[in-house]
Amino acid sequence: MVGQPGFFDLSDRYAALSAAGDPLERLAGVVDFEVFRGPLLVALRRSNRGKGGRPPFDPVTMFKILVLQALYSLSDEATEFQIKDRLSFQRFLGLGLDGKVCRCPLIPGQFLTG
């Protein structure tokens, strides 16, 4: 049965979230978060990465995490748990089930480019 569609395919789960009226999907449809990328990059003024180290997180994704924290009154620890646990949070942030950036359609008409 490997390779066959499962009972809870990801696309079916996304469709069910949309049908239930996912508020994060509506928010992402109304707010173009990419507008904030330029000001965030200027405000963060990241140093030259010539010395190595872990690549920084995407500033727009981090901003969206702050939005989630404010909307749901979450601590840092609770936010991390909810991002790992909630499919709606993962879709809003553009993360796949493995926690990596997804380059697939996340919300109808929207594609993640980062």
C-alpha atoms as a PDB file:
ATOM      1  CA  MET A   1       0.000   0.000   0.000  1.00  0.00           C
ATOM      2  CA  VAL A   2       3.021   2.286  -0.104  1.00  0.00           C
ATOM      3  CA  GLY A   3       2.543   5.123  -2.579  1.00  0.00           C
ATOM      4  CA  GLN A   4      -1.238   4.961  -2.503  1.00  0.00           C
ATOM      5  CA  PRO A   5      -3.201   7.992  -1.380  1.00  0.00           C
ATOM      6  CA  GLY A   6      -4.007   7.832   2.281  1.00  0.00           C
ATOM      7  CA  PHE A   7      -7.261   8.396   4.072  1.00  0.00           C
ATOM      8  CA  PHE A   8      -6.089  11.780   5.313  1.00  0.00           C
ATOM      9  CA  ASP A   9      -4.174  13.140   2.318  1.00  0.00           C
ATOM     10  CA  LEU A  10      -2.703  16.568   2.888  1.00  0.00           C
ATOM     11  CA  SER A  11      -4.751  18.155   0.113  1.00  0.00           C
ATOM     12  CA  ASP A  12      -7.931  16.723   1.662  1.00  0.00           C
ATOM     13  CA  ARG A  13      -6.941  18.092   5.051  1.00  0.00           C
ATOM     14  CA  TYR A  14      -6.244  21.532   3.560  1.00  0.00           C
ATOM     15  CA  ALA A  15      -9.620  21.438   1.787  1.00  0.00           C
ATOM     16  CA  ALA A  16     -11.350  20.552   5.058  1.00  0.00           C
ATOM     17  CA  LEU A  17      -9.622  23.451   6.827  1.00  0.00           C
ATOM     18  CA  SER A  18     -10.702  25.820   4.062  1.00  0.00           C
ATOM     19  CA  ALA A  19     -14.267  24.529   4.143  1.00  0.00           C
ATOM     20  CA  ALA A  20     -14.373  25.067   7.910  1.00  0.00           C
ATOM     21  CA  GLY A  21     -13.449  28.731   7.384  1.00  0.00           C
ATOM     22  CA  ASP A  22      -9.790  28.807   8.435  1.00  0.00           C
ATOM     23  CA  PRO A  23      -9.269  32.397   9.690  1.00  0.00           C
ATOM     24  CA  LEU A  24      -5.542  32.256   8.906  1.00  0.00           C
ATOM     25  CA  GLU A  25      -6.320  31.468   5.288  1.00  0.00           C
ATOM     26  CA  ARG A  26      -8.560  34.530   5.139  1.00  0.00           C
ATOM     27  CA  LEU A  27      -5.865  36.665   6.797  1.00  0.00           C
ATOM     28  CA  ALA A  28      -3.229  35.498   4.306  1.00  0.00           C
ATOM     29  CA  GLY A  29      -5.642  36.262   1.480  1.00  0.00           C
ATOM     30  CA  VAL A  30      -6.213  39.813   2.693  1.00  0.00           C
ATOM     31  CA  VAL A  31      -2.712  40.793   3.861  1.00  0.00           C
ATOM     32  CA  ASP A  32       0.232  40.660   1.468  1.00  0.00           C
ATOM     33  CA  PHE A  33       2.974  39.872   3.967  1.00  0.00           C
ATOM     34  CA  GLU A  34       5.672  40.209   1.304  1.00  0.00           C
ATOM     35  CA  VAL A  35       5.143  43.991   1.490  1.00  0.00           C
ATOM     36  CA  PHE A  36       6.923  43.850   4.853  1.00  0.00           C
ATOM     37  CA  ARG A  37      10.043  42.104   3.517  1.00  0.00           C
ATOM     38  CA  GLY A  38      11.912  45.304   2.563  1.00  0.00           C
ATOM     39  CA  PRO A  39      11.331  47.155   5.847  1.00  0.00           C
ATOM     40  CA  LEU A  40      12.135  43.999   7.825  1.00  0.00           C
ATOM     41  CA  LEU A  41      15.435  43.517   6.002  1.00  0.00           C
ATOM     42  CA  VAL A  42      16.368  47.152   6.630  1.00  0.00           C
ATOM     43  CA  ALA A  43      15.421  46.923  10.316  1.00  0.00           C
ATOM     44  CA  LEU A  44      17.302  43.647  10.854  1.00  0.00           C
ATOM     45  CA  ARG A  45      20.545  44.757   9.147  1.00  0.00           C
ATOM     46  CA  ARG A  46      22.047  41.291   9.155  1.00  0.00           C
ATOM     47  CA  SER A  47      25.833  41.030   9.131  1.00  0.00           C
ATOM     48  CA  ASN A  48      27.965  39.426   6.455  1.00  0.00           C
ATOM     49  CA  ARG A  49      27.737  35.636   6.660  1.00  0.00           C
ATOM     50  CA  GLY A  50      31.322  35.173   5.518  1.00  0.00           C
ATOM     51  CA  LYS A  51      32.236  33.729   8.889  1.00  0.00           C
ATOM     52  CA  GLY A  52      29.741  30.891   8.479  1.00  0.00           C
ATOM     53  CA  GLY A  53      27.032  29.853  10.886  1.00  0.00           C
ATOM     54  CA  ARG A  54      23.433  28.861  10.527  1.00  0.00           C
ATOM     55  CA  PRO A  55      21.460  30.744   7.871  1.00  0.00           C
ATOM     56  CA  PRO A  56      18.974  33.196   9.393  1.00  0.00           C
ATOM     57  CA  PHE A  57      15.269  32.460   9.373  1.00  0.00           C
ATOM     58  CA  ASP A  58      13.188  34.198   6.743  1.00  0.00           C
ATOM     59  CA  PRO A  59      12.146  37.599   8.152  1.00  0.00           C
ATOM     60  CA  VAL A  60       8.607  37.430   6.748  1.00  0.00           C
ATOM     61  CA  THR A  61       8.078  34.003   8.303  1.00  0.00           C
ATOM     62  CA  MET A  62       9.333  35.298  11.645  1.00  0.00           C
ATOM     63  CA  PHE A  63       6.989  38.301  11.343  1.00  0.00           C
ATOM     64  CA  LYS A  64       4.083  35.964  10.638  1.00  0.00           C
ATOM     65  CA  ILE A  65       5.028  33.976  13.754  1.00  0.00           C
ATOM     66  CA  LEU A  66       4.785  37.200  15.768  1.00  0.00           C
ATOM     67  CA  VAL A  67       1.343  37.768  14.250  1.00  0.00           C
ATOM     68  CA  LEU A  68       0.289  34.278  15.380  1.00  0.00           C
ATOM     69  CA  GLN A  69       1.622  34.952  18.879  1.00  0.00           C
ATOM     70  CA  ALA A  70      -0.386  38.169  19.104  1.00  0.00           C
ATOM     71  CA  LEU A  71      -3.586  36.685  17.655  1.00  0.00           C
ATOM     72  CA  TYR A  72      -3.581  33.625  19.892  1.00  0.00           C
ATOM     73  CA  SER A  73      -1.801  35.076  22.978  1.00  0.00           C
ATOM     74  CA  LEU A  74       0.949  32.463  22.847  1.00  0.00           C
ATOM     75  CA  SER A  75       4.285  32.292  24.627  1.00  0.00           C
ATOM     76  CA  ASP A  76       7.386  31.382  22.641  1.00  0.00           C
ATOM     77  CA  GLU A  77       7.182  27.768  23.851  1.00  0.00           C
ATOM     78  CA  ALA A  78       3.459  27.499  23.131  1.00  0.00           C
ATOM     79  CA  THR A  79       3.981  29.023  19.691  1.00  0.00           C
ATOM     80  CA  GLU A  80       6.632  26.464  18.819  1.00  0.00           C
ATOM     81  CA  PHE A  81       4.338  23.648  19.948  1.00  0.00           C
ATOM     82  CA  GLN A  82       1.344  24.998  18.017  1.00  0.00           C
ATOM     83  CA  ILE A  83       3.386  25.444  14.827  1.00  0.00           C
ATOM     84  CA  LYS A  84       4.449  21.802  15.052  1.00  0.00           C
ATOM     85  CA  ASP A  85       0.940  20.646  15.958  1.00  0.00           C
ATOM     86  CA  ARG A  86      -1.473  22.744  13.887  1.00  0.00           C
ATOM     87  CA  LEU A  87      -1.819  22.238  10.180  1.00  0.00           C
ATOM     88  CA  SER A  88      -3.446  25.677   9.855  1.00  0.00           C
ATOM     89  CA  PHE A  89      -0.377  27.348  11.404  1.00  0.00           C
ATOM     90  CA  GLN A  90       1.950  25.393   9.115  1.00  0.00           C
ATOM     91  CA  ARG A  91      -0.037  26.381   6.044  1.00  0.00           C
ATOM     92  CA  PHE A  92      -0.135  30.048   7.122  1.00  0.00           C
ATOM     93  CA  LEU A  93       3.646  30.054   7.591  1.00  0.00           C
ATOM     94  CA  GLY A  94       4.299  28.175   4.362  1.00  0.00           C
ATOM     95  CA  LEU A  95       5.828  25.156   6.077  1.00  0.00           C
ATOM     96  CA  GLY A  96       5.467  21.570   4.965  1.00  0.00           C
ATOM     97  CA  LEU A  97       4.819  18.750   7.389  1.00  0.00           C
ATOM     98  CA  ASP A  98       8.565  18.301   7.727  1.00  0.00           C
ATOM     99  CA  GLY A  99       8.939  21.906   8.938  1.00  0.00           C
ATOM    100  CA  LYS A 100      10.718  23.031   5.779  1.00  0.00           C
ATOM    101  CA  VAL A 101       9.595  25.789   3.470  1.00  0.00           C
ATOM    102  CA  CYS A 102       7.035  24.486   1.022  1.00  0.00           C
ATOM    103  CA  ARG A 103       7.208  25.621  -2.594  1.00  0.00           C
ATOM    104  CA  CYS A 104       3.705  24.473  -3.408  1.00  0.00           C
ATOM    105  CA  PRO A 105       0.399  26.348  -3.519  1.00  0.00           C
ATOM    106  CA  LEU A 106      -0.509  26.975   0.107  1.00  0.00           C
ATOM    107  CA  ILE A 107      -3.591  29.083  -0.231  1.00  0.00           C
ATOM    108  CA  PRO A 108      -5.588  29.262  -3.453  1.00  0.00           C
ATOM    109  CA  GLY A 109      -3.885  31.796  -5.680  1.00  0.00           C
ATOM    110  CA  GLN A 110      -0.832  32.206  -3.412  1.00  0.00           C
ATOM    111  CA  PHE A 111       2.595  30.615  -3.771  1.00  0.00           C
ATOM    112  CA  LEU A 112       5.489  30.856  -1.353  1.00  0.00           C
ATOM    113  CA  THR A 113       8.627  32.138  -3.024  1.00  0.00           C
ATOM    114  CA  GLY A 114      11.073  32.205  -0.098  1.00  0.00           C
END
